[in-house]
C-alpha atoms as a PDB file:
ATOM      1  CA  MET A   1      -2.557 139.166  53.111  1.00  0.00           C
ATOM      2  CA  SER A   2      -1.412 136.705  50.475  1.00  0.00           C
ATOM      3  CA  LEU A   3       0.181 133.368  51.167  1.00  0.00           C
ATOM      4  CA  ASN A   4       3.803 132.743  50.276  1.00  0.00           C
ATOM      5  CA  TYR A   5       3.446 129.560  48.249  1.00  0.00           C
ATOM      6  CA  ILE A   6       7.216 129.283  47.781  1.00  0.00           C
ATOM      7  CA  THR A   7       7.830 128.856  51.532  1.00  0.00           C
ATOM      8  CA  ILE A   8       4.854 126.521  51.856  1.00  0.00           C
ATOM      9  CA  GLY A   9       6.219 124.415  48.989  1.00  0.00           C
ATOM     10  CA  LYS A  10       9.700 124.335  50.528  1.00  0.00           C
ATOM     11  CA  ARG A  11       8.245 123.163  53.832  1.00  0.00           C
ATOM     12  CA  ILE A  12       6.243 120.431  52.105  1.00  0.00           C
ATOM     13  CA  ARG A  13       9.343 119.259  50.210  1.00  0.00           C
ATOM     14  CA  GLU A  14      11.480 119.321  53.368  1.00  0.00           C
ATOM     15  CA  ILE A  15       9.019 117.241  55.375  1.00  0.00           C
ATOM     16  CA  ARG A  16       8.277 114.884  52.472  1.00  0.00           C
ATOM     17  CA  LYS A  17      11.971 114.133  52.038  1.00  0.00           C
ATOM     18  CA  LYS A  18      12.458 113.693  55.778  1.00  0.00           C
ATOM     19  CA  ARG A  19       9.626 111.156  55.726  1.00  0.00           C
ATOM     20  CA  LYS A  20      11.284 109.455  52.721  1.00  0.00           C
ATOM     21  CA  ILE A  21       8.185 109.842  50.550  1.00  0.00           C
ATOM     22  CA  SER A  22       8.656 110.439  46.821  1.00  0.00           C
ATOM     23  CA  GLN A  23       6.671 113.086  44.958  1.00  0.00           C
ATOM     24  CA  SER A  24       5.009 110.263  43.053  1.00  0.00           C
ATOM     25  CA  ALA A  25       3.969 108.471  46.263  1.00  0.00           C
ATOM     26  CA  LEU A  26       2.668 111.723  47.773  1.00  0.00           C
ATOM     27  CA  SER A  27       0.676 112.426  44.628  1.00  0.00           C
ATOM     28  CA  GLU A  28      -0.945 108.983  44.868  1.00  0.00           C
ATOM     29  CA  ILE A  29      -1.789 109.452  48.546  1.00  0.00           C
ATOM     30  CA  ILE A  30      -3.453 112.831  47.961  1.00  0.00           C
ATOM     31  CA  ASP A  31      -4.977 111.777  44.609  1.00  0.00           C
ATOM     32  CA  LYS A  32      -3.264 114.514  42.580  1.00  0.00           C
ATOM     33  CA  THR A  33      -0.801 114.354  39.694  1.00  0.00           C
ATOM     34  CA  PRO A  34       2.959 114.240  40.319  1.00  0.00           C
ATOM     35  CA  THR A  35       3.225 117.389  38.170  1.00  0.00           C
ATOM     36  CA  LEU A  36       0.888 119.262  40.531  1.00  0.00           C
ATOM     37  CA  VAL A  37       2.922 118.125  43.550  1.00  0.00           C
ATOM     38  CA  SER A  38       6.064 119.383  41.811  1.00  0.00           C
ATOM     39  CA  TYR A  39       4.389 122.731  41.055  1.00  0.00           C
ATOM     40  CA  ILE A  40       3.210 123.039  44.671  1.00  0.00           C
ATOM     41  CA  GLU A  41       6.667 122.280  46.065  1.00  0.00           C
ATOM     42  CA  SER A  42       8.302 124.822  43.777  1.00  0.00           C
ATOM     43  CA  GLY A  43       5.695 127.485  44.595  1.00  0.00           C
ATOM     44  CA  ILE A  44       4.483 127.725  40.997  1.00  0.00           C
ATOM     45  CA  ARG A  45       0.930 126.749  41.960  1.00  0.00           C
ATOM     46  CA  GLY A  46      -1.168 127.387  45.002  1.00  0.00           C
ATOM     47  CA  MET A  47      -3.503 124.777  46.361  1.00  0.00           C
ATOM     48  CA  SER A  48      -6.997 124.425  47.704  1.00  0.00           C
ATOM     49  CA  LEU A  49      -7.729 124.008  51.388  1.00  0.00           C
ATOM     50  CA  GLU A  50      -8.700 120.419  50.635  1.00  0.00           C
ATOM     51  CA  THR A  51      -5.293 119.762  49.047  1.00  0.00           C
ATOM     52  CA  ILE A  52      -3.258 121.327  51.849  1.00  0.00           C
ATOM     53  CA  VAL A  53      -5.192 119.289  54.424  1.00  0.00           C
ATOM     54  CA  ALA A  54      -4.611 116.125  52.362  1.00  0.00           C
ATOM     55  CA  ILE A  55      -0.876 116.899  52.174  1.00  0.00           C
ATOM     56  CA  ALA A  56      -0.700 117.584  55.921  1.00  0.00           C
ATOM     57  CA  ASN A  57      -2.449 114.285  56.637  1.00  0.00           C
ATOM     58  CA  ALA A  58      -0.181 112.389  54.233  1.00  0.00           C
ATOM     59  CA  LEU A  59       2.928 113.889  55.867  1.00  0.00           C
ATOM     60  CA  GLU A  60       1.500 113.403  59.392  1.00  0.00           C
ATOM     61  CA  VAL A  61       1.852 117.072  60.353  1.00  0.00           C
ATOM     62  CA  SER A  62      -0.651 119.763  61.218  1.00  0.00           C
ATOM     63  CA  VAL A  63      -1.601 122.345  58.616  1.00  0.00           C
ATOM     64  CA  ASP A  64      -0.071 125.118  60.748  1.00  0.00           C
ATOM     65  CA  VAL A  65       3.332 123.426  60.403  1.00  0.00           C
ATOM     66  CA  LEU A  66       3.010 123.818  56.634  1.00  0.00           C
ATOM     67  CA  LEU A  67       1.729 127.397  56.906  1.00  0.00           C
ATOM     68  CA  SER A  68       3.937 128.515  59.797  1.00  0.00           C
ATOM     69  CA  ASP A  69       5.957 131.094  57.851  1.00  0.00           C
ATOM     70  CA  ASN A  70       2.669 132.744  56.896  1.00  0.00           C
ATOM     71  CA  LEU A  71       1.289 132.946  60.444  1.00  0.00           C
ATOM     72  CA  ALA A  72       1.394 136.184  62.443  1.00  0.00           C
ATOM     73  CA  ILE A  73       2.618 134.201  65.441  1.00  0.00           C
ATOM     74  CA  ASN A  74       5.156 131.704  64.217  1.00  0.00           C
ATOM     75  CA  SER A  75       4.837 128.472  66.134  1.00  0.00           C
ATOM     76  CA  ARG A  76       6.784 126.459  63.564  1.00  0.00           C
ATOM     77  CA  SER A  77       9.524 125.056  65.725  1.00  0.00           C
ATOM     78  CA  PHE A  78       7.197 124.022  68.537  1.00  0.00           C
ATOM     79  CA  MET A  79       4.573 122.462  66.267  1.00  0.00           C
ATOM     80  CA  TYR A  80       7.212 120.876  64.050  1.00  0.00           C
ATOM     81  CA  ASP A  81       8.976 119.382  67.082  1.00  0.00           C
ATOM     82  CA  ILE A  82       5.683 117.990  68.378  1.00  0.00           C
ATOM     83  CA  SER A  83       4.752 116.549  64.976  1.00  0.00           C
ATOM     84  CA  GLU A  84       8.199 114.928  64.709  1.00  0.00           C
ATOM     85  CA  ILE A  85       7.802 113.342  68.150  1.00  0.00           C
ATOM     86  CA  MET A  86       4.279 112.121  67.393  1.00  0.00           C
ATOM     87  CA  SER A  87       5.065 110.847  63.894  1.00  0.00           C
ATOM     88  CA  GLY A  88       4.981 107.102  63.461  1.00  0.00           C
ATOM     89  CA  LEU A  89       3.490 106.366  66.876  1.00  0.00           C
ATOM     90  CA  THR A  90       0.703 103.897  67.450  1.00  0.00           C
ATOM     91  CA  VAL A  91      -2.640 105.122  68.757  1.00  0.00           C
ATOM     92  CA  TYR A  92      -1.700 103.702  72.154  1.00  0.00           C
ATOM     93  CA  GLU A  93       1.653 105.529  72.209  1.00  0.00           C
ATOM     94  CA  ARG A  94       0.029 108.822  71.168  1.00  0.00           C
ATOM     95  CA  THR A  95      -2.583 108.447  73.883  1.00  0.00           C
ATOM     96  CA  VAL A  96       0.054 107.789  76.564  1.00  0.00           C
ATOM     97  CA  ILE A  97       2.129 110.788  75.484  1.00  0.00           C
ATOM     98  CA  ILE A  98      -0.882 113.126  75.340  1.00  0.00           C
ATOM     99  CA  GLU A  99      -2.145 112.004  78.748  1.00  0.00           C
ATOM    100  CA  SER A 100       1.374 112.381  80.179  1.00  0.00           C
ATOM    101  CA  MET A 101       1.608 115.903  78.791  1.00  0.00           C
ATOM    102  CA  LYS A 102      -1.766 116.830  80.303  1.00  0.00           C
ATOM    103  CA  SER A 103      -0.669 115.458  83.674  1.00  0.00           C
ATOM    104  CA  LEU A 104       2.677 117.267  83.492  1.00  0.00           C
ATOM    105  CA  LYS A 105       0.964 120.558  82.621  1.00  0.00           C
ATOM    106  CA  GLU A 106      -1.401 120.199  85.569  1.00  0.00           C
ATOM    107  CA  THR A 107       1.467 119.357  87.955  1.00  0.00           C
ATOM    108  CA  LEU A 108       3.521 122.320  86.737  1.00  0.00           C
ATOM    109  CA  ARG A 109       0.642 124.710  87.279  1.00  0.00           C
ATOM    110  CA  GLU A 110      -0.257 123.281  90.671  1.00  0.00           C
ATOM    111  CA  ASN A 111       3.334 123.624  91.881  1.00  0.00           C
ATOM    112  CA  ARG A 112       4.191 126.962  90.281  1.00  0.00           C
ATOM    113  CA  TYR A 113       4.340 128.537  93.741  1.00  0.00           C
ATOM    114  CA  LEU A 114       7.459 126.452  94.499  1.00  0.00           C
ATOM    115  CA  ILE A 115       9.462 128.487  91.988  1.00  0.00           C
ATOM    116  CA  ALA A 116       8.291 131.805  93.408  1.00  0.00           C
ATOM    117  CA  ASN A 117       9.033 130.711  96.987  1.00  0.00           C
ATOM    118  CA  ARG A 118      12.355 128.957  96.486  1.00  0.00           C
ATOM    119  CA  PRO A 119      15.353 130.254  98.450  1.00  0.00           C
ATOM    120  CA  LYS A 120      17.828 132.358  96.510  1.00  0.00           C
END
């Protein structure tokens, strides 16, 4: 299987623009040239694992969000939605949201029987 660098580049560009980060600023953050960032976004050049992780960190998304069109199981919308919600939060806010999600998951599973036994 080969990676589709065009779709990866489009995703990087889309998220970068949404975050209001210029190609020049992204290149500084990841310590690469603006030309390389342009080549990556247009799909002309691939990138190393180190570079894709640096880009994901700079854009505050997970690597699977960037690679989602290349995954056998596409979790793009879910992971993208989560990364959008979590973007820009303080450590405290992230912790509260994560702990709330864990608690909600546990409550849903503990009370799953209510759905099966509800009157019709």
